[in-house]
Amino acid sequence: MSIAVTSTAADPVEGEAMPVSPWGTWRFVHPYTRGFRVDPGATATIEFAVDVPADADPGEWWVMVKLMWFGRVQYGPAIPLVVTG
């Protein structure tokens, strides 16, 4: 899973990205947090691995990415996370 982050700031933006999902699905997306840097006017890609264990119950959930930088927080859109049996 990857997200693109674009900066309109005049200076580089450095922060952390964290996947957020409902209880019980946290182990599906990792790492728990990832550092990022976006240069002025640039776009950076932040990647997370999605690994669903073989014993996971089927269901439909969501995952979104929480971005944190310089005391600010922003959430990305919810992305469907579907586990089939």
PDB file of N, CA and C in Angstrom:
ATOM      1  N   MET A   1       0.857  -1.156   0.000  1.00  0.00           N
ATOM      2  CA  MET A   1       0.000   0.000   0.000  1.00  0.00           C
ATOM      3  C   MET A   1       0.905   1.221   0.000  1.00  0.00           C
ATOM      4  N   SER A   2       0.591   2.194  -0.830  1.00  0.00           N
ATOM      5  CA  SER A   2       1.392   3.410  -0.846  1.00  0.00           C
ATOM      6  C   SER A   2       0.484   4.625  -0.955  1.00  0.00           C
ATOM      7  N   ILE A   3       0.995   5.733  -0.427  1.00  0.00           N
ATOM      8  CA  ILE A   3       0.283   7.000  -0.550  1.00  0.00           C
ATOM      9  C   ILE A   3       1.264   8.039  -1.080  1.00  0.00           C
ATOM     10  N   ALA A   4       0.752   8.986  -1.821  1.00  0.00           N
ATOM     11  CA  ALA A   4       1.555  10.091  -2.330  1.00  0.00           C
ATOM     12  C   ALA A   4       1.266  11.322  -1.482  1.00  0.00           C
ATOM     13  N   VAL A   5       2.326  12.003  -1.065  1.00  0.00           N
ATOM     14  CA  VAL A   5       2.208  13.200  -0.239  1.00  0.00           C
ATOM     15  C   VAL A   5       2.872  14.346  -0.999  1.00  0.00           C
ATOM     16  N   THR A   6       2.128  15.417  -1.216  1.00  0.00           N
ATOM     17  CA  THR A   6       2.645  16.572  -1.940  1.00  0.00           C
ATOM     18  C   THR A   6       2.730  17.765  -0.996  1.00  0.00           C
ATOM     19  N   SER A   7       3.828  18.497  -1.088  1.00  0.00           N
ATOM     20  CA  SER A   7       4.035  19.659  -0.224  1.00  0.00           C
ATOM     21  C   SER A   7       3.955  20.950  -1.026  1.00  0.00           C
ATOM     22  N   THR A   8       3.248  21.924  -0.463  1.00  0.00           N
ATOM     23  CA  THR A   8       3.223  23.268  -1.044  1.00  0.00           C
ATOM     24  C   THR A   8       4.000  24.238  -0.154  1.00  0.00           C
ATOM     25  N   ALA A   9       4.698  23.689   0.850  1.00  0.00           N
ATOM     26  CA  ALA A   9       5.468  24.510   1.777  1.00  0.00           C
ATOM     27  C   ALA A   9       6.731  25.056   1.101  1.00  0.00           C
ATOM     28  N   ALA A  10       7.256  26.123   1.650  1.00  0.00           N
ATOM     29  CA  ALA A  10       8.479  26.745   1.123  1.00  0.00           C
ATOM     30  C   ALA A  10       9.732  26.020   1.616  1.00  0.00           C
ATOM     31  N   ASP A  11       9.597  25.206   2.659  1.00  0.00           N
ATOM     32  CA  ASP A  11      10.714  24.469   3.232  1.00  0.00           C
ATOM     33  C   ASP A  11      10.386  22.981   3.252  1.00  0.00           C
ATOM     34  N   PRO A  12      11.400  22.142   3.412  1.00  0.00           N
ATOM     35  CA  PRO A  12      11.125  20.705   3.511  1.00  0.00           C
ATOM     36  C   PRO A  12      10.205  20.392   4.690  1.00  0.00           C
ATOM     37  N   VAL A  13       9.377  19.380   4.524  1.00  0.00           N
ATOM     38  CA  VAL A  13       8.480  18.917   5.575  1.00  0.00           C
ATOM     39  C   VAL A  13       8.942  17.521   5.978  1.00  0.00           C
ATOM     40  N   GLU A  14       9.191  17.338   7.275  1.00  0.00           N
ATOM     41  CA  GLU A  14       9.591  16.037   7.797  1.00  0.00           C
ATOM     42  C   GLU A  14       8.599  15.614   8.868  1.00  0.00           C
ATOM     43  N   GLY A  15       8.242  14.339   8.882  1.00  0.00           N
ATOM     44  CA  GLY A  15       7.293  13.871   9.881  1.00  0.00           C
ATOM     45  C   GLY A  15       7.211  12.369   9.913  1.00  0.00           C
ATOM     46  N   GLU A  16       6.103  11.890  10.464  1.00  0.00           N
ATOM     47  CA  GLU A  16       5.847  10.458  10.566  1.00  0.00           C
ATOM     48  C   GLU A  16       4.498  10.130   9.951  1.00  0.00           C
ATOM     49  N   ALA A  17       4.432   8.963   9.352  1.00  0.00           N
ATOM     50  CA  ALA A  17       3.181   8.444   8.807  1.00  0.00           C
ATOM     51  C   ALA A  17       2.843   7.164   9.559  1.00  0.00           C
ATOM     52  N   MET A  18       1.573   7.017   9.921  1.00  0.00           N
ATOM     53  CA  MET A  18       1.142   5.862  10.704  1.00  0.00           C
ATOM     54  C   MET A  18      -0.147   5.293  10.107  1.00  0.00           C
ATOM     55  N   PRO A  19      -0.165   3.993   9.778  1.00  0.00           N
ATOM     56  CA  PRO A  19      -1.425   3.403   9.321  1.00  0.00           C
ATOM     57  C   PRO A  19      -2.399   3.274  10.493  1.00  0.00           C
ATOM     58  N   VAL A  20      -3.660   3.543  10.239  1.00  0.00           N
ATOM     59  CA  VAL A  20      -4.708   3.464  11.251  1.00  0.00           C
ATOM     60  C   VAL A  20      -5.812   2.564  10.687  1.00  0.00           C
ATOM     61  N   SER A  21      -6.243   1.588  11.503  1.00  0.00           N
ATOM     62  CA  SER A  21      -7.309   0.683  11.074  1.00  0.00           C
ATOM     63  C   SER A  21      -8.041   0.183  12.316  1.00  0.00           C
ATOM     64  N   PRO A  22      -9.201  -0.456  12.128  1.00  0.00           N
ATOM     65  CA  PRO A  22      -9.966  -0.940  13.271  1.00  0.00           C
ATOM     66  C   PRO A  22      -9.203  -1.990  14.080  1.00  0.00           C
ATOM     67  N   TRP A  23      -9.621  -2.117  15.346  1.00  0.00           N
ATOM     68  CA  TRP A  23      -9.015  -3.100  16.231  1.00  0.00           C
ATOM     69  C   TRP A  23      -9.060  -4.477  15.587  1.00  0.00           C
ATOM     70  N   GLY A  24      -7.972  -5.212  15.729  1.00  0.00           N
ATOM     71  CA  GLY A  24      -7.894  -6.559  15.180  1.00  0.00           C
ATOM     72  C   GLY A  24      -7.273  -6.609  13.797  1.00  0.00           C
ATOM     73  N   THR A  25      -7.167  -5.468  13.134  1.00  0.00           N
ATOM     74  CA  THR A  25      -6.556  -5.437  11.798  1.00  0.00           C
ATOM     75  C   THR A  25      -5.211  -4.716  11.821  1.00  0.00           C
ATOM     76  N   TRP A  26      -4.797  -4.235  12.975  1.00  0.00           N
ATOM     77  CA  TRP A  26      -3.533  -3.490  13.074  1.00  0.00           C
ATOM     78  C   TRP A  26      -2.350  -4.296  12.582  1.00  0.00           C
ATOM     79  N   ARG A  27      -2.377  -5.599  12.826  1.00  0.00           N
ATOM     80  CA  ARG A  27      -1.233  -6.443  12.455  1.00  0.00           C
ATOM     81  C   ARG A  27      -1.126  -6.657  10.942  1.00  0.00           C
ATOM     82  N   PHE A  28      -2.153  -6.283  10.199  1.00  0.00           N
ATOM     83  CA  PHE A  28      -2.135  -6.487   8.751  1.00  0.00           C
ATOM     84  C   PHE A  28      -1.229  -5.494   8.023  1.00  0.00           C
ATOM     85  N   VAL A  29      -1.077  -4.290   8.564  1.00  0.00           N
ATOM     86  CA  VAL A  29      -0.351  -3.222   7.875  1.00  0.00           C
ATOM     87  C   VAL A  29       0.854  -2.822   8.723  1.00  0.00           C
ATOM     88  N   HIS A  30       2.021  -2.795   8.113  1.00  0.00           N
ATOM     89  CA  HIS A  30       3.238  -2.448   8.859  1.00  0.00           C
ATOM     90  C   HIS A  30       4.251  -1.759   7.953  1.00  0.00           C
ATOM     91  N   PRO A  31       5.230  -1.058   8.464  1.00  0.00           N
ATOM     92  CA  PRO A  31       5.542  -0.901   9.871  1.00  0.00           C
ATOM     93  C   PRO A  31       4.517  -0.003  10.574  1.00  0.00           C
ATOM     94  N   TYR A  32       4.577  -0.002  11.896  1.00  0.00           N
ATOM     95  CA  TYR A  32       3.637   0.773  12.703  1.00  0.00           C
ATOM     96  C   TYR A  32       3.768   2.272  12.437  1.00  0.00           C
ATOM     97  N   THR A  33       4.969   2.722  12.157  1.00  0.00           N
ATOM     98  CA  THR A  33       5.203   4.126  11.819  1.00  0.00           C
ATOM     99  C   THR A  33       6.378   4.216  10.859  1.00  0.00           C
ATOM    100  N   ARG A  34       6.363   5.232  10.024  1.00  0.00           N
ATOM    101  CA  ARG A  34       7.428   5.416   9.031  1.00  0.00           C
ATOM    102  C   ARG A  34       7.717   6.905   8.914  1.00  0.00           C
ATOM    103  N   GLY A  35       8.978   7.255   8.965  1.00  0.00           N
ATOM    104  CA  GLY A  35       9.365   8.646   8.767  1.00  0.00           C
ATOM    105  C   GLY A  35       9.253   9.044   7.297  1.00  0.00           C
ATOM    106  N   PHE A  36       9.028  10.332   7.051  1.00  0.00           N
ATOM    107  CA  PHE A  36       8.995  10.806   5.665  1.00  0.00           C
ATOM    108  C   PHE A  36       9.573  12.218   5.576  1.00  0.00           C
ATOM    109  N   ARG A  37       9.965  12.592   4.372  1.00  0.00           N
ATOM    110  CA  ARG A  37      10.443  13.935   4.076  1.00  0.00           C
ATOM    111  C   ARG A  37       9.933  14.297   2.690  1.00  0.00           C
ATOM    112  N   VAL A  38       9.386  15.510   2.578  1.00  0.00           N
ATOM    113  CA  VAL A  38       8.915  16.010   1.285  1.00  0.00           C
ATOM    114  C   VAL A  38       9.583  17.363   1.059  1.00  0.00           C
ATOM    115  N   ASP A  39      10.301  17.490  -0.042  1.00  0.00           N
ATOM    116  CA  ASP A  39      10.945  18.758  -0.373  1.00  0.00           C
ATOM    117  C   ASP A  39       9.917  19.767  -0.870  1.00  0.00           C
ATOM    118  N   PRO A  40      10.253  21.054  -0.840  1.00  0.00           N
ATOM    119  CA  PRO A  40       9.304  22.095  -1.276  1.00  0.00           C
ATOM    120  C   PRO A  40       8.785  21.839  -2.699  1.00  0.00           C
ATOM    121  N   GLY A  41       7.490  21.856  -2.859  1.00  0.00           N
ATOM    122  CA  GLY A  41       6.870  21.675  -4.173  1.00  0.00           C
ATOM    123  C   GLY A  41       6.976  20.272  -4.735  1.00  0.00           C
ATOM    124  N   ALA A  42       7.434  19.327  -3.944  1.00  0.00           N
ATOM    125  CA  ALA A  42       7.655  17.963  -4.433  1.00  0.00           C
ATOM    126  C   ALA A  42       6.587  17.005  -3.910  1.00  0.00           C
ATOM    127  N   THR A  43       6.613  15.794  -4.456  1.00  0.00           N
ATOM    128  CA  THR A  43       5.739  14.715  -4.013  1.00  0.00           C
ATOM    129  C   THR A  43       6.610  13.551  -3.568  1.00  0.00           C
ATOM    130  N   ALA A  44       6.268  12.960  -2.445  1.00  0.00           N
ATOM    131  CA  ALA A  44       6.971  11.780  -1.936  1.00  0.00           C
ATOM    132  C   ALA A  44       5.970  10.638  -1.801  1.00  0.00           C
ATOM    133  N   THR A  45       6.457   9.430  -1.959  1.00  0.00           N
ATOM    134  CA  THR A  45       5.630   8.240  -1.800  1.00  0.00           C
ATOM    135  C   THR A  45       6.019   7.552  -0.502  1.00  0.00           C
ATOM    136  N   ILE A  46       5.017   7.213   0.293  1.00  0.00           N
ATOM    137  CA  ILE A  46       5.229   6.513   1.553  1.00  0.00           C
ATOM    138  C   ILE A  46       4.588   5.136   1.405  1.00  0.00           C
ATOM    139  N   GLU A  47       5.362   4.097   1.677  1.00  0.00           N
ATOM    140  CA  GLU A  47       4.874   2.739   1.465  1.00  0.00           C
ATOM    141  C   GLU A  47       4.753   1.956   2.766  1.00  0.00           C
ATOM    142  N   PHE A  48       3.720   1.127   2.811  1.00  0.00           N
ATOM    143  CA  PHE A  48       3.493   0.203   3.912  1.00  0.00           C
ATOM    144  C   PHE A  48       3.202  -1.169   3.311  1.00  0.00           C
ATOM    145  N   ALA A  49       3.601  -2.209   4.025  1.00  0.00           N
ATOM    146  CA  ALA A  49       3.309  -3.572   3.596  1.00  0.00           C
ATOM    147  C   ALA A  49       1.959  -3.998   4.164  1.00  0.00           C
ATOM    148  N   VAL A  50       1.212  -4.773   3.387  1.00  0.00           N
ATOM    149  CA  VAL A  50      -0.051  -5.346   3.841  1.00  0.00           C
ATOM    150  C   VAL A  50       0.099  -6.864   3.762  1.00  0.00           C
ATOM    151  N   ASP A  51       0.075  -7.501   4.927  1.00  0.00           N
ATOM    152  CA  ASP A  51       0.209  -8.952   5.018  1.00  0.00           C
ATOM    153  C   ASP A  51      -0.922  -9.483   5.888  1.00  0.00           C
ATOM    154  N   VAL A  52      -1.834 -10.197   5.265  1.00  0.00           N
ATOM    155  CA  VAL A  52      -2.968 -10.760   5.999  1.00  0.00           C
ATOM    156  C   VAL A  52      -2.623 -12.198   6.372  1.00  0.00           C
ATOM    157  N   PRO A  53      -2.643 -12.523   7.660  1.00  0.00           N
ATOM    158  CA  PRO A  53      -2.337 -13.895   8.077  1.00  0.00           C
ATOM    159  C   PRO A  53      -3.351 -14.899   7.534  1.00  0.00           C
ATOM    160  N   ALA A  54      -2.915 -16.104   7.325  1.00  0.00           N
ATOM    161  CA  ALA A  54      -3.788 -17.147   6.779  1.00  0.00           C
ATOM    162  C   ALA A  54      -4.973 -17.439   7.692  1.00  0.00           C
ATOM    163  N   ASP A  55      -4.824 -17.182   9.001  1.00  0.00           N
ATOM    164  CA  ASP A  55      -5.910 -17.480   9.936  1.00  0.00           C
ATOM    165  C   ASP A  55      -6.832 -16.283  10.187  1.00  0.00           C
ATOM    166  N   ALA A  56      -6.688 -15.227   9.398  1.00  0.00           N
ATOM    167  CA  ALA A  56      -7.530 -14.036   9.587  1.00  0.00           C
ATOM    168  C   ALA A  56      -8.975 -14.324   9.196  1.00  0.00           C
ATOM    169  N   ASP A  57      -9.900 -13.806   9.978  1.00  0.00           N
ATOM    170  CA  ASP A  57     -11.315 -13.954   9.656  1.00  0.00           C
ATOM    171  C   ASP A  57     -11.663 -13.104   8.436  1.00  0.00           C
ATOM    172  N   PRO A  58     -12.540 -13.613   7.555  1.00  0.00           N
ATOM    173  CA  PRO A  58     -12.979 -12.809   6.418  1.00  0.00           C
ATOM    174  C   PRO A  58     -13.772 -11.592   6.910  1.00  0.00           C
ATOM    175  N   GLY A  59     -13.714 -10.531   6.157  1.00  0.00           N
ATOM    176  CA  GLY A  59     -14.472  -9.339   6.514  1.00  0.00           C
ATOM    177  C   GLY A  59     -14.046  -8.140   5.697  1.00  0.00           C
ATOM    178  N   GLU A  60     -14.745  -7.033   5.921  1.00  0.00           N
ATOM    179  CA  GLU A  60     -14.442  -5.786   5.226  1.00  0.00           C
ATOM    180  C   GLU A  60     -14.162  -4.707   6.255  1.00  0.00           C
ATOM    181  N   TRP A  61     -12.985  -4.095   6.155  1.00  0.00           N
ATOM    182  CA  TRP A  61     -12.570  -3.035   7.052  1.00  0.00           C
ATOM    183  C   TRP A  61     -12.023  -1.883   6.227  1.00  0.00           C
ATOM    184  N   TRP A  62     -11.249  -1.049   6.850  1.00  0.00           N
ATOM    185  CA  TRP A  62     -10.630   0.085   6.172  1.00  0.00           C
ATOM    186  C   TRP A  62      -9.272   0.336   6.800  1.00  0.00           C
ATOM    187  N   VAL A  63      -8.443   1.062   6.095  1.00  0.00           N
ATOM    188  CA  VAL A  63      -7.168   1.541   6.629  1.00  0.00           C
ATOM    189  C   VAL A  63      -6.961   2.946   6.075  1.00  0.00           C
ATOM    190  N   MET A  64      -6.425   3.830   6.895  1.00  0.00           N
ATOM    191  CA  MET A  64      -6.069   5.172   6.436  1.00  0.00           C
ATOM    192  C   MET A  64      -4.700   5.499   7.011  1.00  0.00           C
ATOM    193  N   VAL A  65      -4.066   6.522   6.468  1.00  0.00           N
ATOM    194  CA  VAL A  65      -2.749   6.913   6.950  1.00  0.00           C
ATOM    195  C   VAL A  65      -2.854   8.253   7.666  1.00  0.00           C
ATOM    196  N   LYS A  66      -2.314   8.280   8.859  1.00  0.00           N
ATOM    197  CA  LYS A  66      -2.264   9.493   9.676  1.00  0.00           C
ATOM    198  C   LYS A  66      -0.885  10.123   9.475  1.00  0.00           C
ATOM    199  N   LEU A  67      -0.861  11.364   9.005  1.00  0.00           N
ATOM    200  CA  LEU A  67       0.397  12.089   8.821  1.00  0.00           C
ATOM    201  C   LEU A  67       0.580  13.070   9.964  1.00  0.00           C
ATOM    202  N   MET A  68       1.767  13.097  10.526  1.00  0.00           N
ATOM    203  CA  MET A  68       2.071  13.995  11.650  1.00  0.00           C
ATOM    204  C   MET A  68       3.378  14.722  11.321  1.00  0.00           C
ATOM    205  N   TRP A  69       3.337  16.062  11.362  1.00  0.00           N
ATOM    206  CA  TRP A  69       4.537  16.851  11.082  1.00  0.00           C
ATOM    207  C   TRP A  69       4.427  18.211  11.760  1.00  0.00           C
ATOM    208  N   PHE A  70       5.498  18.668  12.350  1.00  0.00           N
ATOM    209  CA  PHE A  70       5.586  19.996  12.968  1.00  0.00           C
ATOM    210  C   PHE A  70       4.357  20.323  13.827  1.00  0.00           C
ATOM    211  N   GLY A  71       3.883  19.355  14.614  1.00  0.00           N
ATOM    212  CA  GLY A  71       2.735  19.578  15.490  1.00  0.00           C
ATOM    213  C   GLY A  71       1.389  19.545  14.793  1.00  0.00           C
ATOM    214  N   ARG A  72       1.365  19.146  13.548  1.00  0.00           N
ATOM    215  CA  ARG A  72       0.117  19.065  12.783  1.00  0.00           C
ATOM    216  C   ARG A  72      -0.242  17.610  12.521  1.00  0.00           C
ATOM    217  N   VAL A  73      -1.526  17.372  12.255  1.00  0.00           N
ATOM    218  CA  VAL A  73      -2.012  16.023  11.970  1.00  0.00           C
ATOM    219  C   VAL A  73      -2.999  16.100  10.817  1.00  0.00           C
ATOM    220  N   GLN A  74      -2.901  15.151   9.913  1.00  0.00           N
ATOM    221  CA  GLN A  74      -3.862  15.048   8.815  1.00  0.00           C
ATOM    222  C   GLN A  74      -4.068  13.572   8.504  1.00  0.00           C
ATOM    223  N   TYR A  75      -5.320  13.203   8.229  1.00  0.00           N
ATOM    224  CA  TYR A  75      -5.656  11.819   7.883  1.00  0.00           C
ATOM    225  C   TYR A  75      -5.948  11.736   6.394  1.00  0.00           C
ATOM    226  N   GLY A  76      -5.461  10.686   5.776  1.00  0.00           N
ATOM    227  CA  GLY A  76      -5.767  10.409   4.384  1.00  0.00           C
ATOM    228  C   GLY A  76      -7.142   9.769   4.276  1.00  0.00           C
ATOM    229  N   PRO A  77      -7.573   9.507   3.061  1.00  0.00           N
ATOM    230  CA  PRO A  77      -8.884   8.872   2.869  1.00  0.00           C
ATOM    231  C   PRO A  77      -8.867   7.412   3.322  1.00  0.00           C
ATOM    232  N   ALA A  78     -10.024   6.904   3.669  1.00  0.00           N
ATOM    233  CA  ALA A  78     -10.149   5.492   4.054  1.00  0.00           C
ATOM    234  C   ALA A  78     -10.028   4.627   2.800  1.00  0.00           C
ATOM    235  N   ILE A  79      -9.211   3.595   2.910  1.00  0.00           N
ATOM    236  CA  ILE A  79      -8.986   2.669   1.813  1.00  0.00           C
ATOM    237  C   ILE A  79      -9.589   1.322   2.222  1.00  0.00           C
ATOM    238  N   PRO A  80     -10.419   0.699   1.398  1.00  0.00           N
ATOM    239  CA  PRO A  80     -11.011  -0.587   1.773  1.00  0.00           C
ATOM    240  C   PRO A  80      -9.955  -1.656   2.024  1.00  0.00           C
ATOM    241  N   LEU A  81     -10.168  -2.449   3.047  1.00  0.00           N
ATOM    242  CA  LEU A  81      -9.323  -3.589   3.379  1.00  0.00           C
ATOM    243  C   LEU A  81     -10.246  -4.799   3.447  1.00  0.00           C
ATOM    244  N   VAL A  82     -10.223  -5.615   2.423  1.00  0.00           N
ATOM    245  CA  VAL A  82     -11.159  -6.733   2.300  1.00  0.00           C
ATOM    246  C   VAL A  82     -10.374  -8.044   2.423  1.00  0.00           C
ATOM    247  N   VAL A  83     -10.825  -8.892   3.333  1.00  0.00           N
ATOM    248  CA  VAL A  83     -10.215 -10.206   3.534  1.00  0.00           C
ATOM    249  C   VAL A  83     -11.252 -11.245   3.121  1.00  0.00           C
ATOM    250  N   THR A  84     -10.880 -12.081   2.167  1.00  0.00           N
ATOM    251  CA  THR A  84     -11.788 -13.140   1.716  1.00  0.00           C
ATOM    252  C   THR A  84     -11.352 -14.473   2.301  1.00  0.00           C
ATOM    253  N   GLY A  85     -12.257 -15.390   2.400  1.00  0.00           N
ATOM    254  CA  GLY A  85     -11.978 -16.683   3.046  1.00  0.00           C
ATOM    255  C   GLY A  85     -11.515 -17.715   2.146  1.00  0.00           C
TER     256      GLY A  85
END
